[in-house]
Amino acid sequence: MSETIFDKIIRREIPADIVHEDGEILAFRDIAAQAPTHVLFIPRRQIPTLNDLEEGDAPLVGKLVLAATRYAKAQGFSEDGYRLVINCNRHGGQSVYHLHLHLLAGRQMTWPPG
């Protein structure tokens, strides 16, 4: 696996506005925000894409989702709503090959996204 910008953020080699961290997950504000609140939740262990997940990774993916929902509740926008997105590979919109969950909130979301 090649190193990504997220690996450097995890090691604190690149600054980030970190909003959550624990032993398995790090969350920080996206520098190219697509909504008033745009936070990325990543596992500390590099998993390149959704396609690289294995059965044993199910608890970790659940922890990513739960960390994001706890953040939404703590920030007070869970009742109005938010969007959680995981992109997979180039056609799915993935640009950093380290699994990450986008939390978007603070505006009315539309479908298709845009």
Protein backbone atom coordinates (compact mmCIF):
# COMPACT_ATOMS: atom_id res chain seq x y z
CA MET A 1 0.00 0.00 0.00
CA SER A 2 1.27 3.43 -0.81
CA GLU A 3 1.25 6.14 1.78
CA THR A 4 -1.52 8.72 1.60
CA ILE A 5 -2.02 12.21 2.95
CA PHE A 6 -4.22 10.63 5.65
CA ASP A 7 -1.27 8.58 6.94
CA LYS A 8 0.64 11.85 7.37
CA ILE A 9 -2.31 13.41 9.20
CA ILE A 10 -2.51 10.39 11.53
CA ARG A 11 1.22 10.82 12.33
CA ARG A 12 0.72 14.61 12.77
CA GLU A 13 3.15 15.37 9.94
CA ILE A 14 0.45 17.46 8.26
CA PRO A 15 -1.81 19.70 10.35
CA ALA A 16 -5.54 18.99 10.44
CA ASP A 17 -8.50 20.31 12.39
CA ILE A 18 -9.11 17.12 14.37
CA VAL A 19 -12.56 16.82 15.93
CA HIS A 20 -12.45 13.22 17.20
CA GLU A 21 -9.86 10.57 17.88
CA ASP A 22 -9.63 7.28 19.67
CA GLY A 23 -7.49 4.17 19.36
CA GLU A 24 -8.96 3.17 15.99
CA ILE A 25 -10.49 6.28 14.41
CA LEU A 26 -9.47 9.83 13.59
CA ALA A 27 -11.88 12.52 12.36
CA PHE A 28 -11.00 15.92 10.94
CA ARG A 29 -12.57 18.72 8.95
CA ASP A 30 -12.27 18.39 5.17
CA ILE A 31 -10.20 21.23 3.68
CA ALA A 32 -12.35 21.13 0.51
CA ALA A 33 -15.68 21.27 2.35
CA GLN A 34 -18.81 20.52 0.32
CA ALA A 35 -21.18 21.61 3.11
CA PRO A 36 -20.99 23.92 6.14
CA THR A 37 -19.98 20.86 8.15
CA HIS A 38 -17.79 18.37 6.28
CA VAL A 39 -15.82 15.96 8.45
CA LEU A 40 -13.84 12.89 7.38
CA PHE A 41 -13.82 9.82 9.65
CA ILE A 42 -10.93 7.46 8.92
CA PRO A 43 -9.59 4.28 10.45
CA ARG A 44 -6.03 4.65 11.74
CA ARG A 45 -5.21 1.41 9.91
CA GLN A 46 -4.96 1.97 6.20
CA ILE A 47 -7.58 0.15 4.16
CA PRO A 48 -7.42 1.46 0.58
CA THR A 49 -11.06 1.02 -0.54
CA LEU A 50 -14.37 -0.55 0.42
CA ASN A 51 -13.35 -3.45 -1.83
CA ASP A 52 -10.43 -4.20 0.50
CA LEU A 53 -12.62 -4.76 3.56
CA GLU A 54 -12.68 -8.23 5.05
CA GLU A 55 -15.22 -9.90 7.35
CA GLY A 56 -13.14 -8.99 10.38
CA ASP A 57 -13.36 -5.29 9.48
CA ALA A 58 -17.12 -5.11 10.12
CA PRO A 59 -16.70 -3.82 13.71
CA LEU A 60 -14.32 -1.10 12.52
CA VAL A 61 -16.75 0.10 9.84
CA GLY A 62 -19.51 0.11 12.46
CA LYS A 63 -17.30 2.23 14.73
CA LEU A 64 -16.74 4.73 11.90
CA VAL A 65 -20.50 5.11 11.44
CA LEU A 66 -21.17 5.32 15.19
CA ALA A 67 -18.43 7.92 15.68
CA ALA A 68 -20.01 10.03 12.92
CA THR A 69 -23.52 9.74 14.37
CA ARG A 70 -22.26 10.63 17.86
CA TYR A 71 -20.54 13.68 16.37
CA ALA A 72 -23.76 14.70 14.59
CA LYS A 73 -25.72 14.45 17.84
CA ALA A 74 -23.07 16.32 19.84
CA GLN A 75 -22.96 19.14 17.27
CA GLY A 76 -26.75 19.48 17.30
CA PHE A 77 -27.57 18.75 13.67
CA SER A 78 -28.77 15.16 13.96
CA GLU A 79 -32.44 16.19 14.07
CA ASP A 80 -32.21 18.37 10.93
CA GLY A 81 -30.25 15.62 9.21
CA TYR A 82 -26.92 14.88 7.63
CA ARG A 83 -25.37 12.67 4.99
CA LEU A 84 -22.76 9.92 5.39
CA VAL A 85 -20.88 8.93 2.22
CA ILE A 86 -18.11 6.45 1.43
CA ASN A 87 -16.76 6.69 -2.12
CA CYS A 88 -15.10 3.67 -3.75
CA ASN A 89 -12.48 3.92 -6.49
CA ARG A 90 -12.20 6.46 -9.29
CA HIS A 91 -15.70 6.22 -10.77
CA GLY A 92 -17.16 6.34 -7.27
CA GLY A 93 -15.39 9.63 -6.59
CA GLN A 94 -12.61 8.35 -4.30
CA SER A 95 -9.47 10.49 -4.52
CA VAL A 96 -7.53 9.37 -1.42
CA TYR A 97 -7.02 5.62 -1.23
CA HIS A 98 -7.47 5.29 2.52
CA LEU A 99 -11.03 4.35 3.46
CA HIS A 100 -12.90 7.40 4.74
CA LEU A 101 -16.46 8.32 5.59
CA HIS A 102 -17.67 11.83 4.76
CA LEU A 103 -20.13 13.47 7.15
CA LEU A 104 -21.91 16.40 5.47
CA ALA A 105 -24.37 18.67 7.27
CA GLY A 106 -25.58 22.21 7.67
CA ARG A 107 -27.54 22.54 4.43
CA GLN A 108 -30.32 20.82 2.53
CA MET A 109 -28.81 17.89 0.63
CA THR A 110 -30.06 17.06 -2.85
CA TRP A 111 -29.96 13.96 -4.98
CA PRO A 112 -28.09 13.49 -7.13
CA PRO A 113 -25.36 15.26 -5.13
CA GLY A 114 -24.23 18.54 -6.50
